[in-house]
Protein backbone atom coordinates (compact mmCIF):
# COMPACT_ATOMS: atom_id res chain seq x y z
CA UNK A 1 31.86 -9.61 0.36
CA UNK A 2 29.83 -8.18 -2.52
CA UNK A 3 28.20 -10.28 -5.21
CA UNK A 4 24.91 -11.97 -6.31
CA UNK A 5 22.47 -12.41 -3.38
CA UNK A 6 19.60 -13.86 -5.39
CA UNK A 7 18.77 -14.74 -8.92
CA UNK A 8 16.01 -16.21 -11.07
CA UNK A 9 14.91 -16.66 -14.64
CA UNK A 10 11.35 -16.55 -16.02
CA UNK A 11 10.41 -18.49 -19.12
CA UNK A 12 6.77 -17.98 -20.39
CA UNK A 13 4.60 -21.06 -20.49
CA UNK A 14 3.92 -20.98 -24.27
CA UNK A 15 6.29 -22.32 -26.95
CA UNK A 16 6.23 -22.20 -30.72
CA UNK A 17 7.51 -25.33 -32.38
CA UNK A 18 9.77 -24.26 -35.20
CA UNK A 19 8.19 -26.99 -37.30
CA UNK A 20 4.98 -24.87 -37.26
CA UNK A 21 6.89 -22.08 -39.03
CA UNK A 22 8.19 -24.52 -41.58
CA UNK A 23 4.63 -25.93 -42.22
CA UNK A 24 3.09 -22.49 -42.69
CA UNK A 25 5.91 -21.00 -44.82
CA UNK A 26 7.33 -23.91 -46.71
CA UNK A 27 10.82 -23.00 -45.51
CA UNK A 28 13.20 -24.86 -43.24
CA UNK A 29 12.82 -23.18 -39.85
CA UNK A 30 15.06 -25.73 -38.02
CA UNK A 31 14.23 -27.85 -35.03
CA UNK A 32 13.23 -27.22 -31.42
CA UNK A 33 11.03 -24.50 -29.95
CA UNK A 34 11.19 -20.90 -28.95
CA UNK A 35 9.46 -19.32 -25.90
CA UNK A 36 6.56 -16.95 -26.56
CA UNK A 37 5.15 -14.33 -24.25
CA UNK A 38 1.38 -14.70 -23.91
CA UNK A 39 -0.94 -12.07 -25.38
CA UNK A 40 -1.24 -10.67 -21.84
CA UNK A 41 2.51 -10.52 -21.15
CA UNK A 42 5.05 -7.88 -21.98
CA UNK A 43 8.56 -7.11 -20.76
CA UNK A 44 7.26 -5.46 -17.60
CA UNK A 45 5.06 -8.32 -16.50
CA UNK A 46 7.85 -10.83 -17.24
CA UNK A 47 10.28 -8.71 -15.24
CA UNK A 48 7.89 -8.79 -12.32
CA UNK A 49 7.68 -12.52 -12.44
CA UNK A 50 11.49 -12.99 -12.52
CA UNK A 51 11.93 -10.58 -9.67
CA UNK A 52 9.29 -12.33 -7.59
CA UNK A 53 11.06 -15.67 -8.11
CA UNK A 54 14.45 -14.19 -7.22
CA UNK A 55 13.25 -12.64 -3.99
CA UNK A 56 11.08 -15.57 -2.84
CA UNK A 57 13.93 -17.68 -1.27
CA UNK A 58 15.02 -14.76 0.90
CA UNK A 59 13.78 -14.34 4.45
CA UNK A 60 10.80 -12.06 4.91
CA UNK A 61 13.14 -9.31 6.08
CA UNK A 62 15.02 -9.62 2.85
CA UNK A 63 12.12 -8.50 0.71
CA UNK A 64 13.02 -4.88 1.39
CA UNK A 65 16.69 -5.38 0.56
CA UNK A 66 16.98 -3.39 -2.68
CA UNK A 67 18.06 0.18 -2.53
CA UNK A 68 17.04 0.49 -6.17
CA UNK A 69 15.37 -1.46 -8.96
CA UNK A 70 16.79 -1.33 -12.49
CA UNK A 71 14.88 -2.46 -15.50
CA UNK A 72 16.56 -3.18 -18.87
CA UNK A 73 15.07 -4.25 -22.19
CA UNK A 74 15.19 -3.61 -25.91
CA UNK A 75 11.39 -3.74 -26.07
CA UNK A 76 9.96 -1.72 -23.11
CA UNK A 77 6.19 -1.23 -22.90
CA UNK A 78 6.71 2.49 -22.52
CA UNK A 79 9.09 5.18 -23.65
CA UNK A 80 9.08 8.50 -21.83
CA UNK A 81 7.43 6.74 -18.85
CA UNK A 82 9.61 4.65 -16.54
CA UNK A 83 8.77 0.92 -16.78
CA UNK A 84 10.66 0.06 -13.58
CA UNK A 85 8.06 1.86 -11.45
CA UNK A 86 5.52 -0.91 -12.24
CA UNK A 87 8.00 -3.51 -11.16
CA UNK A 88 8.62 -1.51 -8.04
CA UNK A 89 4.91 -1.28 -7.28
CA UNK A 90 4.17 -5.07 -8.00
CA UNK A 91 6.96 -5.97 -5.51
CA UNK A 92 5.48 -3.64 -2.86
CA UNK A 93 8.79 -1.86 -2.30
CA UNK A 94 9.10 1.25 -0.17
CA UNK A 95 8.86 4.68 -1.82
CA UNK A 96 12.53 5.50 -1.11
CA UNK A 97 13.64 2.57 -3.29
CA UNK A 98 14.64 4.11 -6.58
CA UNK A 99 13.19 2.64 -9.87
CA UNK A 100 15.26 3.26 -13.00
CA UNK A 101 15.22 2.12 -16.67
CA UNK A 102 18.38 1.29 -18.53
CA UNK A 103 16.95 0.43 -21.94
CA UNK A 104 17.68 0.58 -25.60
CA UNK A 105 20.23 -2.09 -26.46
CA UNK A 106 21.22 -5.71 -25.61
CA UNK A 107 24.47 -4.33 -24.11
CA UNK A 108 22.45 -2.12 -21.77
CA UNK A 109 21.49 -5.20 -19.71
CA UNK A 110 25.03 -6.62 -19.35
CA UNK A 111 26.27 -3.08 -18.67
CA UNK A 112 23.69 -2.64 -15.94
CA UNK A 113 24.80 -5.93 -14.29
CA UNK A 114 28.43 -4.78 -14.49
CA UNK A 115 27.60 -1.45 -12.96
CA UNK A 116 25.57 -3.05 -10.13
CA UNK A 117 28.39 -5.42 -9.34
CA UNK A 118 30.92 -2.57 -9.11
CA UNK A 119 28.64 -0.22 -7.24
CA UNK A 120 27.74 0.17 -3.57
CA UNK A 121 23.95 -0.06 -3.46
CA UNK A 122 21.91 -3.18 -3.19
CA UNK A 123 20.39 -3.36 -6.69
CA UNK A 124 17.63 -5.60 -8.10
CA UNK A 125 18.28 -5.77 -11.80
CA UNK A 126 15.40 -7.14 -13.88
CA UNK A 127 16.17 -7.83 -17.56
CA UNK A 128 13.39 -8.74 -19.97
CA UNK A 129 12.92 -9.00 -23.68
CA UNK A 130 10.52 -10.05 -26.40
CA UNK A 131 12.43 -10.85 -29.59
CA UNK A 132 10.94 -11.60 -32.91
CA UNK A 133 11.21 -10.53 -36.54
CA UNK A 134 9.18 -10.47 -39.81
CA UNK A 135 7.42 -13.74 -40.61
CA UNK A 136 9.87 -16.53 -41.77
CA UNK A 137 12.85 -14.41 -40.74
CA UNK A 138 15.83 -15.74 -38.82
CA UNK A 139 15.04 -13.46 -35.91
CA UNK A 140 11.55 -14.91 -35.72
CA UNK A 141 12.66 -18.52 -35.50
CA UNK A 142 15.85 -17.84 -33.39
CA UNK A 143 14.37 -15.30 -31.03
CA UNK A 144 12.69 -15.89 -27.75
CA UNK A 145 10.83 -14.22 -24.94
CA UNK A 146 12.07 -14.39 -21.33
CA UNK A 147 13.18 -12.41 -18.25
CA UNK A 148 15.68 -12.73 -15.48
CA UNK A 149 16.42 -10.89 -12.19
CA UNK A 150 19.58 -10.62 -10.16
CA UNK A 151 19.93 -9.11 -6.71
CA UNK A 152 23.38 -7.64 -6.19
CA UNK A 153 24.87 -6.25 -2.97
CA UNK A 154 26.80 -6.88 0.20
CA UNK A 155 26.14 -10.22 1.90
CA UNK A 156 24.21 -10.16 5.18
CA UNK A 157 22.29 -12.43 7.51
CA UNK A 158 19.51 -14.10 5.63
CA UNK A 159 20.94 -13.01 2.25
CA UNK A 160 24.54 -14.28 1.82
CA UNK A 161 26.54 -13.84 -1.31
CA UNK A 162 25.90 -16.79 -3.59
CA UNK A 163 28.44 -15.90 -6.30
CA UNK A 164 31.17 -13.18 -6.24
CA UNK A 165 32.66 -11.37 -9.26
CA UNK A 166 36.35 -12.21 -9.25
CA UNK A 167 37.33 -10.50 -12.49
CA UNK A 168 36.31 -9.40 -15.92
CA UNK A 169 36.92 -7.18 -18.90
CA UNK A 170 35.04 -4.85 -21.15
CA UNK A 171 35.98 -3.72 -24.64
CA UNK A 172 34.11 -1.31 -26.91
CA UNK A 173 34.24 -0.80 -30.59
CA UNK A 174 31.89 1.21 -32.84
CA UNK A 175 30.66 -0.71 -35.88
CA UNK A 176 27.24 -1.26 -37.48
CA UNK A 177 26.20 -4.85 -37.09
CA UNK A 178 22.56 -4.90 -35.89
CA UNK A 179 20.14 -1.94 -35.54
CA UNK A 180 16.53 -0.99 -35.12
CA UNK A 181 15.15 2.50 -35.40
CA UNK A 182 12.52 3.77 -32.91
CA UNK A 183 9.02 2.52 -33.93
CA UNK A 184 10.30 -0.26 -36.13
CA UNK A 185 9.06 -3.72 -35.36
CA UNK A 186 12.11 -5.63 -36.47
CA UNK A 187 15.94 -5.48 -36.29
CA UNK A 188 18.12 -5.29 -39.33
CA UNK A 189 21.54 -6.81 -39.68
CA UNK A 190 24.61 -6.19 -41.79
CA UNK A 191 26.17 -9.06 -43.71
CA UNK A 192 27.07 -11.67 -41.15
CA UNK A 193 30.68 -12.14 -42.17
CA UNK A 194 31.41 -8.49 -41.42
CA UNK A 195 30.16 -8.81 -37.81
CA UNK A 196 32.24 -11.96 -37.38
CA UNK A 197 35.37 -10.02 -38.40
CA UNK A 198 34.69 -7.54 -35.59
CA UNK A 199 33.23 -9.66 -32.77
CA UNK A 200 35.58 -12.66 -32.85
CA UNK A 201 38.85 -10.71 -32.21
CA UNK A 202 37.08 -8.67 -29.51
CA UNK A 203 35.79 -11.85 -27.84
CA UNK A 204 39.24 -13.51 -27.89
CA UNK A 205 40.89 -10.43 -26.53
CA UNK A 206 38.26 -9.90 -23.80
CA UNK A 207 38.43 -13.58 -22.81
CA UNK A 208 42.23 -13.35 -22.24
CA UNK A 209 42.02 -10.05 -20.35
CA UNK A 210 39.23 -11.33 -18.11
CA UNK A 211 41.11 -14.55 -17.15
CA UNK A 212 44.16 -12.44 -16.31
CA UNK A 213 42.11 -10.05 -14.24
CA UNK A 214 40.43 -12.93 -12.36
CA UNK A 215 43.69 -14.73 -11.80
CA UNK A 216 42.31 -18.09 -13.10
CA UNK A 217 43.40 -20.42 -15.82
CA UNK A 218 41.01 -21.59 -18.53
CA UNK A 219 41.02 -25.16 -17.16
CA UNK A 220 39.74 -23.84 -13.81
CA UNK A 221 36.42 -22.67 -15.33
CA UNK A 222 33.50 -25.04 -14.81
CA UNK A 223 30.89 -23.35 -17.11
CA UNK A 224 31.30 -20.82 -19.90
CA UNK A 225 28.27 -18.74 -21.02
CA UNK A 226 28.50 -17.12 -24.45
CA UNK A 227 25.61 -14.86 -25.42
CA UNK A 228 24.76 -12.15 -27.92
CA UNK A 229 22.79 -11.56 -31.06
CA UNK A 230 25.44 -12.60 -33.67
CA UNK A 231 25.20 -16.39 -33.78
CA UNK A 232 28.27 -16.96 -35.99
CA UNK A 233 30.48 -14.97 -33.70
CA UNK A 234 29.07 -16.75 -30.66
CA UNK A 235 30.02 -20.15 -32.09
CA UNK A 236 33.56 -18.93 -32.95
CA UNK A 237 34.19 -17.31 -29.52
CA UNK A 238 32.81 -20.40 -27.79
CA UNK A 239 35.59 -22.39 -29.37
CA UNK A 240 38.02 -20.44 -27.22
CA UNK A 241 36.45 -22.18 -24.21
CA UNK A 242 37.17 -25.65 -25.65
CA UNK A 243 39.27 -27.62 -23.21
CA UNK A 244 37.71 -25.97 -20.18
CA UNK A 245 34.68 -27.24 -18.32
CA UNK A 246 32.73 -26.60 -21.50
CA UNK A 247 30.27 -24.15 -22.95
CA UNK A 248 26.95 -24.06 -21.00
CA UNK A 249 23.72 -24.78 -22.70
CA UNK A 250 22.45 -21.50 -24.26
CA UNK A 251 18.83 -22.73 -24.37
CA UNK A 252 18.49 -21.80 -28.02
CA UNK A 253 16.92 -25.19 -28.78
CA UNK A 254 14.11 -24.72 -26.33
CA UNK A 255 13.83 -21.02 -25.40
CA UNK A 256 15.58 -19.21 -28.26
CA UNK A 257 17.53 -16.00 -27.82
CA UNK A 258 15.76 -13.59 -25.53
CA UNK A 259 18.09 -10.65 -26.33
CA UNK A 260 18.67 -8.37 -23.36
CA UNK A 261 17.44 -11.13 -20.97
CA UNK A 262 19.75 -13.81 -22.32
CA UNK A 263 22.94 -13.16 -20.25
CA UNK A 264 21.23 -13.06 -16.85
CA UNK A 265 18.88 -15.92 -17.82
CA UNK A 266 21.84 -18.15 -18.68
CA UNK A 267 23.70 -17.00 -15.62
CA UNK A 268 20.76 -18.01 -13.35
CA UNK A 269 20.53 -21.34 -15.21
CA UNK A 270 24.28 -21.97 -14.65
CA UNK A 271 24.15 -21.01 -10.94
CA UNK A 272 21.24 -23.36 -10.37
CA UNK A 273 23.50 -26.22 -11.51
CA UNK A 274 26.85 -24.95 -10.03
CA UNK A 275 28.68 -26.39 -7.11
CA UNK A 276 30.27 -24.27 -4.33
CA UNK A 277 33.62 -22.99 -5.46
CA UNK A 278 32.83 -23.49 -9.17
CA UNK A 279 34.01 -20.75 -11.54
CA UNK A 280 31.54 -19.46 -14.11
CA UNK A 281 32.60 -17.13 -16.95
CA UNK A 282 30.00 -15.14 -18.92
CA UNK A 283 30.80 -13.59 -22.32
CA UNK A 284 28.41 -11.07 -23.86
CA UNK A 285 28.97 -10.03 -27.47
CA UNK A 286 27.05 -6.80 -28.10
CA UNK A 287 28.59 -3.61 -29.50
CA UNK A 288 31.84 -4.88 -28.08
CA UNK A 289 32.37 -7.56 -25.41
CA UNK A 290 31.79 -7.78 -21.73
CA UNK A 291 33.27 -10.74 -19.78
CA UNK A 292 32.51 -11.39 -16.15
CA UNK A 293 33.99 -14.18 -14.12
CA UNK A 294 32.14 -15.45 -11.04
CA UNK A 295 33.03 -17.94 -8.27
CA UNK A 296 30.18 -19.68 -6.44
CA UNK A 297 30.40 -19.47 -2.66
CA UNK A 298 29.67 -22.12 -0.05
CA UNK A 299 26.28 -20.46 0.52
CA UNK A 300 25.07 -21.66 -2.88
CA UNK A 301 24.89 -25.20 -1.47
CA UNK A 302 22.03 -24.19 0.75
CA UNK A 303 20.14 -22.11 -1.86
CA UNK A 304 16.94 -23.57 -3.12
CA UNK A 305 15.62 -21.81 -6.30
CA UNK A 306 11.99 -20.91 -6.19
CA UNK A 307 11.49 -22.28 -9.68
CA UNK A 308 14.52 -23.39 -11.59
CA UNK A 309 14.91 -22.39 -15.20
CA UNK A 310 15.19 -26.06 -16.27
CA UNK A 311 11.83 -26.92 -14.63
CA UNK A 312 10.11 -23.94 -16.41
CA UNK A 313 11.57 -25.04 -19.69
CA UNK A 314 10.31 -28.50 -19.19
CA UNK A 315 6.83 -27.41 -18.12
CA UNK A 316 6.19 -25.29 -21.32
CA UNK A 317 3.44 -26.07 -23.73
CA UNK A 318 4.64 -26.28 -27.31
CA UNK A 319 1.45 -26.48 -29.31
CA UNK A 320 1.01 -22.74 -30.01
CA UNK A 321 -0.43 -22.19 -33.49
CA UNK A 322 1.73 -20.11 -35.91
CA UNK A 323 -1.22 -17.72 -36.68
CA UNK A 324 -1.81 -17.26 -32.96
CA UNK A 325 1.88 -16.37 -32.49
CA UNK A 326 1.74 -13.86 -35.31
CA UNK A 327 -1.40 -12.33 -33.78
CA UNK A 328 0.10 -12.01 -30.33
CA UNK A 329 3.07 -10.27 -31.82
CA UNK A 330 0.93 -7.84 -33.85
CA UNK A 331 2.23 -9.26 -37.21
CA UNK A 332 -1.32 -10.07 -38.31
CA UNK A 333 -4.72 -8.76 -37.22
CA UNK A 334 -7.42 -11.37 -36.68
CA UNK A 335 -11.14 -10.64 -36.41
CA UNK A 336 -11.88 -9.86 -32.73
CA UNK A 337 -15.17 -10.59 -30.96
CA UNK A 338 -17.78 -8.06 -32.03
CA UNK A 339 -17.95 -6.34 -28.75
CA UNK A 340 -16.74 -2.85 -27.71
CA UNK A 341 -12.99 -2.63 -27.06
CA UNK A 342 -12.00 -1.62 -23.56
CA UNK A 343 -11.69 2.02 -22.72
CA UNK A 344 -8.25 3.27 -21.59
CA UNK A 345 -7.44 2.78 -17.90
CA UNK A 346 -7.82 5.73 -15.59
CA UNK A 347 -4.51 7.19 -14.41
CA UNK A 348 -6.17 8.78 -11.37
CA UNK A 349 -8.04 5.63 -10.36
CA UNK A 350 -4.90 3.59 -10.68
CA UNK A 351 -2.98 6.00 -8.49
CA UNK A 352 -5.64 5.88 -5.77
CA UNK A 353 -5.56 2.19 -5.67
CA UNK A 354 -1.86 1.47 -6.29
CA UNK A 355 -1.42 -1.06 -3.46
CA UNK A 356 -4.26 -3.19 -4.73
CA UNK A 357 -3.86 -2.84 -8.42
CA UNK A 358 -0.11 -3.48 -8.48
CA UNK A 359 0.72 -5.13 -5.22
CA UNK A 360 -2.60 -7.06 -4.69
CA UNK A 361 -2.80 -5.82 -1.09
CA UNK A 362 -6.19 -6.75 0.44
CA UNK A 363 -7.48 -5.67 3.87
CA UNK A 364 -8.48 -7.66 6.93
CA UNK A 365 -10.89 -6.56 9.64
CA UNK A 366 -8.92 -6.49 12.97
CA UNK A 367 -11.93 -7.46 14.99
CA UNK A 368 -13.61 -10.21 12.92
CA UNK A 369 -10.72 -11.35 10.72
CA UNK A 370 -12.79 -10.82 7.58
CA UNK A 371 -10.71 -10.51 4.46
CA UNK A 372 -11.68 -8.00 1.69
CA UNK A 373 -10.55 -8.31 -1.94
CA UNK A 374 -10.47 -5.54 -3.14
CA UNK A 375 -9.78 -3.76 0.17
CA UNK A 376 -12.64 -1.97 1.82
CA UNK A 377 -13.06 0.65 4.51
CA UNK A 378 -16.20 -1.07 5.91
CA UNK A 379 -16.17 -4.68 7.00
CA UNK A 380 -18.73 -7.07 5.63
CA UNK A 381 -18.75 -8.82 9.02
CA UNK A 382 -19.71 -6.53 11.97
CA UNK A 383 -19.50 -3.29 10.03
CA UNK A 384 -16.28 -1.95 11.48
CA UNK A 385 -15.12 1.18 9.71
CA UNK A 386 -11.48 2.02 8.96
CA UNK A 387 -10.18 -0.72 11.23
CA UNK A 388 -8.29 -2.82 8.77
CA UNK A 389 -4.76 -4.35 8.39
CA UNK A 390 -3.14 -4.62 4.98
CA UNK A 391 -2.75 -8.19 3.72
CA UNK A 392 -0.49 -8.81 0.63
CA UNK A 393 -2.03 -11.61 -1.42
CA UNK A 394 0.23 -11.88 -4.46
CA UNK A 395 1.96 -15.02 -3.20
CA UNK A 396 -1.27 -16.78 -2.09
CA UNK A 397 -2.38 -20.12 -3.49
CA UNK A 398 -6.03 -20.78 -4.30
CA UNK A 399 -8.62 -23.31 -5.40
CA UNK A 400 -11.15 -22.91 -8.26
CA UNK A 401 -14.67 -22.99 -6.88
CA UNK A 402 -16.44 -22.44 -10.14
CA UNK A 403 -15.68 -20.94 -13.57
CA UNK A 404 -17.16 -19.83 -16.81
CA UNK A 405 -15.84 -19.64 -20.36
CA UNK A 406 -16.83 -16.37 -22.11
CA UNK A 407 -16.62 -16.40 -25.90
CA UNK A 408 -18.36 -13.03 -26.36
CA UNK A 409 -16.42 -10.55 -24.23
CA UNK A 410 -13.67 -8.67 -26.03
CA UNK A 411 -10.22 -10.23 -25.87
CA UNK A 412 -7.21 -10.23 -28.18
CA UNK A 413 -7.06 -13.99 -27.68
CA UNK A 414 -10.58 -15.33 -27.04
CA UNK A 415 -12.14 -17.01 -25.11
CA UNK A 416 -11.78 -15.55 -21.70
CA UNK A 417 -11.90 -17.95 -18.71
CA UNK A 418 -13.18 -16.39 -15.44
CA UNK A 419 -13.12 -18.23 -12.15
CA UNK A 420 -14.16 -17.78 -8.55
CA UNK A 421 -11.11 -18.70 -6.40
CA UNK A 422 -10.95 -19.45 -2.67
CA UNK A 423 -7.46 -18.53 -1.35
CA UNK A 424 -5.50 -20.17 1.35
CA UNK A 425 -4.68 -18.16 4.38
CA UNK A 426 -1.40 -16.20 4.19
CA UNK A 427 0.14 -18.46 6.81
CA UNK A 428 -0.78 -21.61 4.85
CA UNK A 429 -4.25 -22.38 6.34
CA UNK A 430 -7.04 -24.44 4.81
CA UNK A 431 -8.37 -23.63 1.31
CA UNK A 432 -10.90 -20.87 1.47
CA UNK A 433 -9.65 -19.33 4.69
CA UNK A 434 -7.80 -16.55 2.85
CA UNK A 435 -10.75 -15.00 1.06
CA UNK A 436 -12.68 -15.44 -2.11
CA UNK A 437 -12.22 -13.51 -5.38
CA UNK A 438 -13.50 -13.62 -9.01
CA UNK A 439 -10.45 -13.48 -11.29
CA UNK A 440 -9.48 -14.13 -14.89
CA UNK A 441 -7.37 -17.24 -15.67
CA UNK A 442 -4.36 -17.25 -18.03
CA UNK A 443 -1.93 -19.80 -19.47
CA UNK A 444 -4.65 -22.38 -19.57
CA UNK A 445 -6.56 -24.41 -22.14
CA UNK A 446 -10.26 -24.26 -21.68
CA UNK A 447 -10.40 -28.07 -21.80
CA UNK A 448 -8.09 -28.40 -18.83
CA UNK A 449 -9.96 -26.02 -16.40
CA UNK A 450 -11.64 -27.90 -13.53
CA UNK A 451 -13.34 -27.22 -10.26
CA UNK A 452 -10.91 -27.89 -7.42
CA UNK A 453 -7.92 -26.98 -9.54
CA UNK A 454 -5.08 -25.23 -7.64
CA UNK A 455 -3.99 -21.87 -8.95
CA UNK A 456 -1.32 -19.20 -8.25
CA UNK A 457 -1.24 -15.49 -8.98
CA UNK A 458 0.62 -13.82 -11.80
CA UNK A 459 1.13 -10.18 -12.77
CA UNK A 460 -0.34 -9.60 -16.26
CA UNK A 461 -1.84 -7.02 -18.63
CA UNK A 462 -5.63 -6.85 -18.65
CA UNK A 463 -5.76 -4.74 -21.82
CA UNK A 464 -4.15 -1.98 -23.70
CA UNK A 465 -5.83 1.12 -24.97
CA UNK A 466 -4.53 4.51 -26.24
CA UNK A 467 -1.08 3.18 -25.55
CA UNK A 468 -1.86 2.65 -21.78
CA UNK A 469 -0.90 -0.75 -20.33
CA UNK A 470 -3.63 -1.79 -17.90
CA UNK A 471 -1.85 -4.11 -15.46
CA UNK A 472 -3.49 -6.25 -12.75
CA UNK A 473 -3.24 -9.83 -11.49
CA UNK A 474 -4.65 -13.05 -12.97
CA UNK A 475 -4.50 -16.64 -11.84
CA UNK A 476 -2.74 -19.57 -13.57
CA UNK A 477 -2.74 -23.28 -12.84
CA UNK A 478 -0.22 -24.43 -10.29
CA UNK A 479 1.93 -26.82 -12.28
CA UNK A 480 4.83 -29.25 -11.61
CA UNK A 481 7.43 -26.47 -11.97
CA UNK A 482 6.09 -24.64 -8.85
């Protein structure tokens, strides 16, 4: 059987209350919140977090399952350079695992999922997007930032199929509804009624064709996901599902619409709540329509998500200031600390230290057991030379020993919080037995930092200079959604 072997969504910690937009602009921005990627997050770092969560429930042997990693976004950190290679490196995958980008449009993500499901390789698809618009625009208030990852392949021991594709349909039509030219910071949209006249008939036809292909009746469907970037059409097509199990929550009231990441995020959210045997239909309206019909397998009953989407939504912090949101999205420029900006990261140094920089692989002295972060050729205990074992630390949990708040060092979102962290041993030993490391904290309020606080590691961007994204690992508080 071929289908979905693993899945997860990633929702950033920060939220912008739409009331903050209303207060700043004097307009009615509606109710609820939208998710916001932190100043040190981009679509690559969010894709890494989603992929880590998707792979975590698998057995250790399952971590090398993918034959390839696919990355899809409308807002990639790089063009010309492949973004999926950073995801590949952060997951510590073997060199023979291909890393490919399928970027450019919202439909690229749903098309990638469809291709993976109909292919033969085991594919880890990571979709990620940062969606905003000009201040006070509909895209600004209705957009959202998030990522999702889906592992697709043949079921096997330790990684059974959790949901199989039982049918679907795909229809394409060329019309100009939404567009963004390269280099532009916002999307533009034609008059909404025009898009409605194109999408609604496509959605209705695609829905009927997909049900026929799957061999199921409408009343056999437990959850229906309808996603896309044309809200009026989504509401109209969703009415087609009336009388079935119902339209699933699209998370627009709490997360917003994360564009290319929305279909897989909502699919992960639906699977986390699905019962074995339940049928889930997913409709994606983007430059046509893609409909996929899944049936959850008995194996889903034993699947425990690493961090459910619902718990991430509930754990978010919704007091982000509107000016801070604009600054993080480069819509306004605030006065930075009067310190030199960082120099661009060295490509040669990054290449020499790829395992540490991207995979956070430390080294342990075979004779004394001393752990070195960063890895070292010479042990600080006994002086052994080149007698080390690699030790991946990205999944380690640690405890803050001491910390400092730096209000002078350069940061696009000051102040910087640095901490010294003692990590648990890889096999779950006592705090401190896994090594000590100075590290920057993120997703934290300075008033909440405390000695003894438990933290986990997260893949982030240290800085950006000359267009180069300087990625590394930071620590963030271990919260209730863990």
